[in-house]
Protein backbone atom coordinates (compact mmCIF):
# COMPACT_ATOMS: atom_id res chain seq x y z
CA MET A 1 -61.63 -126.33 72.78
CA GLN A 2 -63.50 -126.98 69.58
CA GLY A 3 -63.93 -130.57 68.56
CA ALA A 4 -62.51 -132.12 65.45
CA GLY A 5 -65.88 -132.23 63.69
CA ALA A 6 -66.41 -128.51 63.36
CA THR A 7 -62.78 -127.68 62.67
CA SER A 8 -61.77 -130.58 60.44
CA GLY A 9 -60.29 -129.36 57.15
CA LEU A 10 -60.18 -125.72 58.17
CA LYS A 11 -57.52 -123.29 56.99
CA THR A 12 -56.79 -119.88 58.48
CA VAL A 13 -55.54 -116.52 57.25
CA ARG A 14 -54.77 -113.22 58.94
CA VAL A 15 -56.86 -110.28 57.76
CA GLY A 16 -55.87 -107.08 59.51
CA GLY A 17 -56.03 -107.96 63.16
CA LEU A 18 -58.37 -110.91 62.65
CA ARG A 19 -57.73 -114.58 62.17
CA LEU A 20 -60.35 -115.90 59.75
CA ALA A 21 -61.04 -119.60 59.24
CA TYR A 22 -62.34 -121.14 56.06
CA ARG A 23 -62.63 -124.40 54.17
CA GLU A 24 -62.18 -124.90 50.44
CA LEU A 25 -62.59 -127.65 47.89
CA GLY A 26 -62.08 -127.97 44.16
CA GLN A 27 -60.56 -125.87 41.40
CA GLY A 28 -61.96 -123.46 38.86
CA PRO A 29 -63.92 -120.21 39.07
CA PRO A 30 -64.28 -119.36 42.77
CA VAL A 31 -67.58 -119.47 44.66
CA LEU A 32 -67.76 -117.84 48.08
CA LEU A 33 -70.22 -119.45 50.51
CA LEU A 34 -71.49 -117.39 53.45
CA HIS A 35 -73.34 -118.88 56.40
CA GLY A 36 -75.63 -117.18 58.90
CA TRP A 37 -76.58 -117.29 62.59
CA PRO A 38 -75.49 -119.32 64.57
CA THR A 39 -73.66 -121.51 62.06
CA SER A 40 -70.32 -121.46 60.23
CA SER A 41 -68.66 -122.87 57.11
CA PHE A 42 -69.46 -126.27 58.66
CA LEU A 43 -73.03 -125.83 57.39
CA TRP A 44 -71.76 -126.09 53.79
CA ARG A 45 -69.64 -129.23 54.32
CA ALA A 46 -71.96 -131.63 52.45
CA VAL A 47 -72.90 -129.11 49.75
CA MET A 48 -69.36 -128.17 48.74
CA PRO A 49 -68.35 -131.43 46.97
CA ALA A 50 -70.96 -130.98 44.24
CA ILE A 51 -69.98 -127.34 43.67
CA ALA A 52 -66.32 -128.34 43.65
CA CYS A 53 -66.80 -130.53 40.56
CA ALA A 54 -66.42 -127.41 38.38
CA ASN A 55 -65.59 -124.61 40.82
CA ARG A 56 -63.34 -123.68 43.69
CA ALA A 57 -65.77 -123.64 46.64
CA VAL A 58 -64.62 -121.40 49.50
CA ALA A 59 -66.72 -121.34 52.68
CA LEU A 60 -65.75 -118.66 55.21
CA ASP A 61 -66.32 -118.56 58.95
CA LEU A 62 -67.47 -114.96 59.32
CA PRO A 63 -65.77 -113.07 62.15
CA GLY A 64 -67.67 -113.78 65.36
CA PHE A 65 -68.56 -117.29 64.18
CA GLY A 66 -67.02 -120.72 63.79
CA ALA A 67 -63.27 -120.89 64.30
CA SER A 68 -62.71 -117.26 63.26
CA ASP A 69 -61.79 -114.63 65.85
CA LYS A 70 -64.60 -113.28 67.99
CA PRO A 71 -63.52 -109.84 69.20
CA LEU A 72 -65.84 -108.58 71.90
CA ASP A 73 -65.35 -104.91 71.03
CA SER A 74 -66.14 -105.09 67.29
CA PRO A 75 -69.38 -103.53 66.03
CA TYR A 76 -70.47 -106.43 63.76
CA ASN A 77 -72.10 -103.92 61.44
CA PHE A 78 -72.15 -103.80 57.65
CA ALA A 79 -68.87 -101.90 57.42
CA PHE A 80 -67.12 -104.39 59.71
CA PHE A 81 -68.19 -107.41 57.66
CA THR A 82 -67.51 -105.63 54.35
CA ASP A 83 -63.95 -104.89 55.46
CA ALA A 84 -63.53 -108.52 56.53
CA LEU A 85 -64.75 -109.82 53.16
CA ASP A 86 -62.55 -107.39 51.24
CA GLY A 87 -59.52 -108.44 53.26
CA PHE A 88 -60.28 -112.14 53.04
CA LEU A 89 -60.70 -112.12 49.26
CA ARG A 90 -57.60 -109.96 48.85
CA THR A 91 -55.56 -112.40 50.95
CA LEU A 92 -56.74 -115.33 48.82
CA ASP A 93 -56.13 -113.26 45.66
CA LEU A 94 -59.75 -113.64 44.57
CA ASP A 95 -61.08 -110.81 42.46
CA ALA A 96 -64.39 -111.90 40.90
CA VAL A 97 -66.42 -114.57 42.69
CA GLY A 98 -69.73 -116.36 42.57
CA LEU A 99 -71.57 -115.82 45.83
CA ALA A 100 -74.01 -118.02 47.76
CA VAL A 101 -75.56 -116.74 50.99
CA HIS A 102 -77.77 -118.08 53.77
CA ASP A 103 -79.53 -116.49 56.75
CA LEU A 104 -77.49 -113.57 58.21
CA GLY A 105 -74.94 -114.15 55.46
CA GLY A 106 -77.59 -112.85 53.06
CA PRO A 107 -77.61 -109.19 54.06
CA ILE A 108 -73.87 -109.31 54.80
CA GLY A 109 -73.06 -110.77 51.39
CA LEU A 110 -75.63 -108.74 49.45
CA TYR A 111 -74.48 -105.46 50.97
CA TRP A 112 -70.91 -106.30 49.95
CA ALA A 113 -71.95 -107.49 46.49
CA LEU A 114 -74.18 -104.53 45.68
CA HIS A 115 -71.32 -102.17 46.51
CA ARG A 116 -68.83 -104.33 44.56
CA ALA A 117 -71.04 -105.23 41.61
CA LYS A 118 -68.18 -105.86 39.18
CA ARG A 119 -66.69 -108.47 41.50
CA VAL A 120 -69.74 -110.77 41.58
CA THR A 121 -70.30 -113.14 38.67
CA ARG A 122 -73.38 -115.02 39.95
CA LEU A 123 -75.52 -114.87 43.06
CA ALA A 124 -77.39 -117.64 44.87
CA LEU A 125 -79.81 -116.89 47.69
CA LEU A 126 -80.87 -119.52 50.20
CA ASN A 127 -83.19 -118.96 53.17
CA THR A 128 -82.32 -115.41 54.19
CA LEU A 129 -83.62 -111.96 55.03
CA LEU A 130 -82.82 -108.95 52.84
CA TYR A 131 -85.40 -106.22 53.24
CA PRO A 132 -85.87 -103.58 55.98
CA GLU A 133 -89.46 -104.64 56.72
CA PHE A 134 -88.58 -107.21 59.38
CA SER A 135 -91.00 -109.97 60.26
CA GLU A 136 -92.23 -110.40 63.84
CA ALA A 137 -90.00 -113.49 64.08
CA VAL A 138 -86.92 -111.39 63.27
CA LEU A 139 -87.96 -108.63 65.66
CA GLU A 140 -88.42 -111.20 68.43
CA PHE A 141 -84.92 -112.54 67.70
CA VAL A 142 -83.49 -109.02 67.91
CA ARG A 143 -85.20 -108.45 71.24
CA ALA A 144 -83.92 -111.77 72.57
CA CYS A 145 -80.31 -111.10 71.56
CA GLY A 146 -80.43 -107.69 73.24
CA THR A 147 -82.06 -108.72 76.51
CA PRO A 148 -79.80 -109.98 79.34
CA GLY A 149 -81.00 -113.31 80.64
CA VAL A 150 -82.95 -114.11 77.49
CA ARG A 151 -79.76 -113.63 75.49
CA GLU A 152 -77.85 -116.11 77.65
CA ARG A 153 -80.57 -118.74 77.31
CA LEU A 154 -80.74 -118.32 73.54
CA THR A 155 -76.98 -118.76 73.06
CA SER A 156 -76.54 -121.52 75.65
CA PRO A 157 -75.85 -125.09 74.49
CA GLU A 158 -79.52 -125.87 75.08
CA GLY A 159 -80.62 -122.75 73.25
CA LEU A 160 -78.45 -123.52 70.23
CA GLU A 161 -79.87 -127.04 70.10
CA ALA A 162 -83.36 -125.54 70.10
CA VAL A 163 -82.41 -123.24 67.20
CA LEU A 164 -81.08 -126.15 65.17
CA ARG A 165 -84.19 -128.22 65.82
CA LEU A 166 -86.44 -125.27 64.95
CA GLY A 167 -84.58 -124.84 61.67
CA LEU A 168 -85.26 -128.40 60.53
CA ALA A 169 -88.61 -129.35 59.02
CA ASP A 170 -87.71 -133.05 59.28
CA GLU A 171 -86.69 -134.01 62.82
CA SER A 172 -84.94 -137.12 61.49
CA ARG A 173 -82.31 -134.86 59.90
CA PHE A 174 -81.15 -133.76 63.34
CA THR A 175 -77.72 -135.27 64.03
CA VAL A 176 -75.15 -135.16 66.79
CA GLU A 177 -72.63 -134.05 64.16
CA ALA A 178 -74.72 -131.05 63.15
CA LEU A 179 -75.34 -130.11 66.79
CA ALA A 180 -71.61 -130.24 67.54
CA GLY A 181 -70.91 -128.03 64.55
CA VAL A 182 -73.28 -125.39 65.94
CA ARG A 183 -72.30 -125.65 69.61
CA GLU A 184 -68.55 -126.09 69.64
CA PRO A 185 -67.50 -122.60 68.49
CA PHE A 186 -69.40 -121.08 71.42
CA ALA A 187 -67.98 -122.86 74.43
CA THR A 188 -67.33 -119.76 76.56
CA ASP A 189 -69.50 -117.01 77.98
CA GLU A 190 -67.57 -114.40 75.99
CA SER A 191 -68.00 -116.24 72.67
CA ARG A 192 -71.73 -116.58 73.34
CA LEU A 193 -72.00 -112.86 74.08
CA VAL A 194 -70.26 -112.15 70.77
CA LEU A 195 -72.72 -114.48 69.03
CA ALA A 196 -75.63 -112.44 70.36
CA ARG A 197 -74.01 -109.14 69.40
CA ALA A 198 -73.12 -110.41 65.93
CA GLY A 199 -76.75 -111.36 65.41
CA ILE A 200 -78.03 -107.82 65.86
CA GLY A 201 -75.14 -105.59 64.77
CA LEU A 202 -76.34 -104.92 61.22
CA GLU A 203 -77.87 -101.46 61.15
CA PRO A 204 -81.32 -100.93 59.56
CA GLY A 205 -79.94 -98.41 57.08
CA GLY A 206 -77.94 -101.15 55.40
CA PHE A 207 -81.12 -103.09 54.69
CA ASP A 208 -82.57 -99.92 53.16
CA GLU A 209 -79.55 -99.79 50.84
CA ILE A 210 -79.99 -103.43 49.85
CA ALA A 211 -83.63 -102.83 48.96
CA ARG A 212 -82.69 -99.76 46.94
CA LEU A 213 -79.79 -101.33 45.03
CA LEU A 214 -81.08 -104.86 44.48
CA PRO A 215 -83.16 -103.99 41.37
CA GLU A 216 -79.94 -102.76 39.71
CA LEU A 217 -78.36 -106.22 39.91
CA ARG A 218 -77.67 -107.64 36.45
CA VAL A 219 -75.85 -110.91 37.15
CA PRO A 220 -77.56 -114.33 37.03
CA VAL A 221 -79.44 -115.04 40.28
CA ARG A 222 -80.54 -118.42 41.65
CA VAL A 223 -82.92 -118.77 44.59
CA VAL A 224 -83.18 -122.09 46.44
CA TYR A 225 -85.11 -122.14 49.69
CA GLY A 226 -86.75 -124.48 52.15
CA ALA A 227 -90.47 -123.69 52.19
CA ARG A 228 -91.09 -124.98 55.73
CA ASP A 229 -88.92 -122.37 57.43
CA ARG A 230 -89.97 -121.73 61.04
CA ILE A 231 -87.07 -119.34 61.71
CA LEU A 232 -87.90 -117.06 58.76
CA PRO A 233 -91.58 -117.94 58.21
CA ASP A 234 -91.96 -115.16 55.62
CA VAL A 235 -89.23 -116.59 53.37
CA ALA A 236 -91.66 -117.26 50.49
CA GLU A 237 -92.75 -113.61 50.52
CA THR A 238 -89.11 -112.51 50.63
CA MET A 239 -88.17 -114.61 47.62
CA ALA A 240 -91.27 -113.51 45.70
CA ARG A 241 -90.16 -109.92 46.25
CA VAL A 242 -86.66 -110.83 45.07
CA LYS A 243 -88.21 -112.22 41.88
CA ARG A 244 -90.07 -108.94 41.33
CA ASP A 245 -86.95 -106.86 41.98
CA VAL A 246 -84.62 -109.14 40.01
CA PRO A 247 -86.66 -110.65 37.14
CA GLN A 248 -83.77 -112.82 35.94
CA ALA A 249 -83.84 -114.78 39.21
CA GLU A 250 -84.73 -118.46 38.91
CA VAL A 251 -86.56 -119.68 42.00
CA THR A 252 -86.83 -123.20 43.40
CA ALA A 253 -88.72 -123.95 46.61
CA LEU A 254 -87.92 -127.22 48.38
CA PRO A 255 -91.28 -128.10 49.95
CA ASP A 256 -89.98 -130.59 52.52
CA CYS A 257 -87.10 -128.48 53.87
CA GLY A 258 -86.89 -125.91 56.59
CA HIS A 259 -84.40 -123.15 57.34
CA PHE A 260 -81.24 -125.28 57.42
CA LEU A 261 -81.78 -126.85 54.01
CA GLN A 262 -78.07 -127.66 53.74
CA GLU A 263 -78.60 -130.17 56.56
CA GLU A 264 -81.87 -131.57 55.23
CA ALA A 265 -81.17 -131.86 51.51
CA PRO A 266 -77.42 -131.37 50.97
CA GLN A 267 -77.31 -133.47 47.80
CA ARG A 268 -80.21 -131.63 46.16
CA VAL A 269 -78.93 -128.21 47.23
CA GLY A 270 -75.45 -129.14 46.04
CA GLU A 271 -76.75 -130.27 42.66
CA LEU A 272 -78.76 -127.09 42.13
CA LEU A 273 -75.87 -124.82 43.10
CA ALA A 274 -73.35 -126.85 41.11
CA GLU A 275 -75.49 -126.53 38.00
CA PHE A 276 -75.83 -122.80 38.54
CA PHE A 277 -72.21 -121.95 39.36
CA GLY A 278 -70.89 -124.46 36.86
CA GLY A 279 -72.00 -122.00 34.19
CA ASN A 280 -68.89 -119.98 35.14
CA ALA A 281 -66.57 -122.85 34.26
């Protein structure tokens, strides 16, 4: 069973055949928060209060993650996640939303947003990957998730702890609470297999589409990223390319943060996102 820490405050809805979990806080123009691998809406827990001062912050557990269903036979490709997002927003009666994305939630959210351009009011990008030219670090992750034996070690409780530690630039920000939030949704062999499959299900062609459509984006864009990212060590190059493709993007690098900047600087990240999305209020 999942512990109270990771599941505290969660709500659930049925979307098609899936049960999707989410947490929400505040009222006002909605902001959808998407996590990445191997996290969940729990990652946003300390960032949401600042956003919720002027907005309705909604953090989803993507299917395959957190307390949401983890079907073993789903493809975990762009179409699968797009359908899940469409259904989730329809169930909550949310039409236009602000969108903030991190890690694997970046390509998932961007693919959805670029094909639903009229439904996105503002876009915030945190440490993520977007383009089809994958770094060696990403290619190594893909190989690990697809290789029996290596895959099981990566998604084991010890492997998930190693991922969390790798994603923090400041070791003192590592907490038992954060570790529980990462580990608890993946307590069974089947859930850990789904985690691996969900990490590598996005097809390369979808990244090609993101790269092609991103320059057409006209909404306000805010980039906030941890500069000391050891999981996506090319994040500065990625965000510089975003700035070239989307000139209206405002970019802030947090020099003392790593990949999981929501754990290392939740107040600062919350303030920056609240200021950005509060422009919708």
